[in-house]
C-alpha atoms as a PDB file:
ATOM      1  CA  MET A   1     -29.310 -94.065   1.148  1.00  0.00           C
ATOM      2  CA  LYS A   2     -25.907 -95.148   2.485  1.00  0.00           C
ATOM      3  CA  ILE A   3     -22.700 -93.082   2.159  1.00  0.00           C
ATOM      4  CA  ASN A   4     -19.439 -94.917   1.448  1.00  0.00           C
ATOM      5  CA  PRO A   5     -17.152 -94.405   4.524  1.00  0.00           C
ATOM      6  CA  VAL A   6     -14.273 -92.903   2.665  1.00  0.00           C
ATOM      7  CA  LEU A   7     -16.358 -90.492   1.240  1.00  0.00           C
ATOM      8  CA  ARG A   8     -17.873 -89.621   4.776  1.00  0.00           C
ATOM      9  CA  LEU A   9     -14.383 -89.166   5.980  1.00  0.00           C
ATOM     10  CA  ILE A  10     -13.314 -86.858   2.950  1.00  0.00           C
ATOM     11  CA  ILE A  11     -16.714 -84.689   3.399  1.00  0.00           C
ATOM     12  CA  PHE A  12     -15.691 -84.396   7.019  1.00  0.00           C
ATOM     13  CA  MET A  13     -12.089 -83.449   6.647  1.00  0.00           C
ATOM     14  CA  LEU A  14     -13.143 -80.705   4.064  1.00  0.00           C
ATOM     15  CA  VAL A  15     -15.798 -79.463   6.420  1.00  0.00           C
ATOM     16  CA  PHE A  16     -13.147 -79.344   9.296  1.00  0.00           C
ATOM     17  CA  GLN A  17     -10.446 -77.558   6.885  1.00  0.00           C
ATOM     18  CA  LEU A  18     -13.159 -74.736   6.218  1.00  0.00           C
ATOM     19  CA  ALA A  19     -14.232 -74.299   9.865  1.00  0.00           C
ATOM     20  CA  PHE A  20     -10.514 -74.393  11.280  1.00  0.00           C
ATOM     21  CA  PRO A  21      -8.180 -73.220   8.865  1.00  0.00           C
ATOM     22  CA  LEU A  22      -4.604 -74.282   8.984  1.00  0.00           C
ATOM     23  CA  PRO A  23      -3.074 -71.049  10.190  1.00  0.00           C
ATOM     24  CA  LEU A  24      -5.377 -71.440  13.452  1.00  0.00           C
ATOM     25  CA  PHE A  25      -3.013 -74.455  14.293  1.00  0.00           C
ATOM     26  CA  ALA A  26       0.244 -73.139  13.092  1.00  0.00           C
ATOM     27  CA  GLN A  27       3.406 -74.432  15.188  1.00  0.00           C
ATOM     28  CA  VAL A  28       5.248 -71.610  17.234  1.00  0.00           C
ATOM     29  CA  ALA A  29       8.862 -71.491  16.664  1.00  0.00           C
ATOM     30  CA  GLY A  30       9.706 -68.678  19.343  1.00  0.00           C
ATOM     31  CA  GLU A  31       8.824 -65.159  20.186  1.00  0.00           C
ATOM     32  CA  PHE A  32      10.045 -61.693  19.841  1.00  0.00           C
ATOM     33  CA  ILE A  33      12.188 -60.307  22.882  1.00  0.00           C
ATOM     34  CA  GLU A  34      13.251 -57.189  20.899  1.00  0.00           C
ATOM     35  CA  VAL A  35      11.566 -54.995  18.284  1.00  0.00           C
ATOM     36  CA  LEU A  36      13.238 -51.895  17.052  1.00  0.00           C
ATOM     37  CA  GLY A  37      12.219 -49.600  13.998  1.00  0.00           C
ATOM     38  CA  ASP A  38      10.150 -51.218  11.011  1.00  0.00           C
ATOM     39  CA  VAL A  39       9.820 -54.836  11.609  1.00  0.00           C
ATOM     40  CA  THR A  40       7.233 -57.073   9.794  1.00  0.00           C
ATOM     41  CA  ILE A  41       5.813 -60.565   9.951  1.00  0.00           C
ATOM     42  CA  GLN A  42       4.215 -61.901   6.826  1.00  0.00           C
ATOM     43  CA  ARG A  43       1.825 -64.770   7.810  1.00  0.00           C
ATOM     44  CA  ALA A  44      -0.733 -66.586   5.946  1.00  0.00           C
ATOM     45  CA  GLY A  45      -1.200 -63.653   3.564  1.00  0.00           C
ATOM     46  CA  THR A  46      -1.383 -61.146   6.027  1.00  0.00           C
ATOM     47  CA  VAL A  47       1.223 -58.290   7.420  1.00  0.00           C
ATOM     48  CA  ILE A  48       1.646 -57.845  11.242  1.00  0.00           C
ATOM     49  CA  LYS A  49       3.521 -55.287  13.090  1.00  0.00           C
ATOM     50  CA  PRO A  50       5.046 -57.404  15.891  1.00  0.00           C
ATOM     51  CA  LYS A  51       5.626 -56.491  19.459  1.00  0.00           C
ATOM     52  CA  VAL A  52       7.793 -58.010  22.421  1.00  0.00           C
ATOM     53  CA  LYS A  53       6.544 -61.162  23.415  1.00  0.00           C
ATOM     54  CA  ASP A  54       4.256 -61.727  20.164  1.00  0.00           C
ATOM     55  CA  PRO A  55       5.033 -65.322  18.880  1.00  0.00           C
ATOM     56  CA  VAL A  56       7.118 -66.469  15.616  1.00  0.00           C
ATOM     57  CA  HIS A  57       5.436 -69.089  13.697  1.00  0.00           C
ATOM     58  CA  VAL A  58       6.965 -71.660  11.494  1.00  0.00           C
ATOM     59  CA  LYS A  59       6.633 -70.522   7.995  1.00  0.00           C
ATOM     60  CA  ASP A  60       6.540 -66.648   8.985  1.00  0.00           C
ATOM     61  CA  VAL A  61       8.563 -64.477   7.029  1.00  0.00           C
ATOM     62  CA  ILE A  62      10.252 -61.680   9.169  1.00  0.00           C
ATOM     63  CA  THR A  63      11.411 -58.610   7.300  1.00  0.00           C
ATOM     64  CA  THR A  64      13.326 -55.669   8.754  1.00  0.00           C
ATOM     65  CA  GLY A  65      13.553 -52.141   7.536  1.00  0.00           C
ATOM     66  CA  GLU A  66      16.303 -49.656   6.966  1.00  0.00           C
ATOM     67  CA  LYS A  67      17.978 -48.711  10.957  1.00  0.00           C
ATOM     68  CA  SER A  68      15.637 -51.582  12.341  1.00  0.00           C
ATOM     69  CA  ARG A  69      16.520 -54.927  14.078  1.00  0.00           C
ATOM     70  CA  ALA A  70      14.661 -57.503  15.734  1.00  0.00           C
ATOM     71  CA  LYS A  71      15.759 -60.383  18.633  1.00  0.00           C
ATOM     72  CA  LEU A  72      14.114 -63.512  18.987  1.00  0.00           C
ATOM     73  CA  SER A  73      14.227 -66.382  21.342  1.00  0.00           C
ATOM     74  CA  MET A  74      13.603 -69.831  19.954  1.00  0.00           C
ATOM     75  CA  ILE A  75      11.937 -72.824  21.357  1.00  0.00           C
ATOM     76  CA  ASP A  76      15.157 -74.426  21.856  1.00  0.00           C
ATOM     77  CA  GLN A  77      16.372 -71.453  23.947  1.00  0.00           C
ATOM     78  CA  SER A  78      18.767 -70.142  21.009  1.00  0.00           C
ATOM     79  CA  LYS A  79      18.555 -66.501  20.219  1.00  0.00           C
ATOM     80  CA  LEU A  80      18.525 -64.811  16.717  1.00  0.00           C
ATOM     81  CA  THR A  81      19.186 -61.494  15.682  1.00  0.00           C
ATOM     82  CA  LEU A  82      18.255 -59.919  12.663  1.00  0.00           C
ATOM     83  CA  GLY A  83      20.082 -56.738  11.518  1.00  0.00           C
ATOM     84  CA  PRO A  84      18.906 -53.983   9.319  1.00  0.00           C
ATOM     85  CA  LYS A  85      17.148 -54.740   5.895  1.00  0.00           C
ATOM     86  CA  ALA A  86      16.825 -58.262   6.563  1.00  0.00           C
ATOM     87  CA  ARG A  87      14.440 -61.045   5.361  1.00  0.00           C
ATOM     88  CA  MET A  88      14.073 -64.570   6.901  1.00  0.00           C
END
């Protein structure tokens, strides 16, 4: 039995996506250079407590708590500071 080349490609793409989920290839947008207080990252359905030098990925949601802040260095060398009670 011969399998249609288009069907073969679709099957390959589905198997590849299951073996290597998209967050594994997430694009890095920058990194944390300062983390003070309660700072979290929401990434692909999980909540992460970042540390200095941790990467920031495209589509991450960064949240700071009361009396908290974070500074990021982006890949274009710009700096971004998030103050208390921020969400980006």
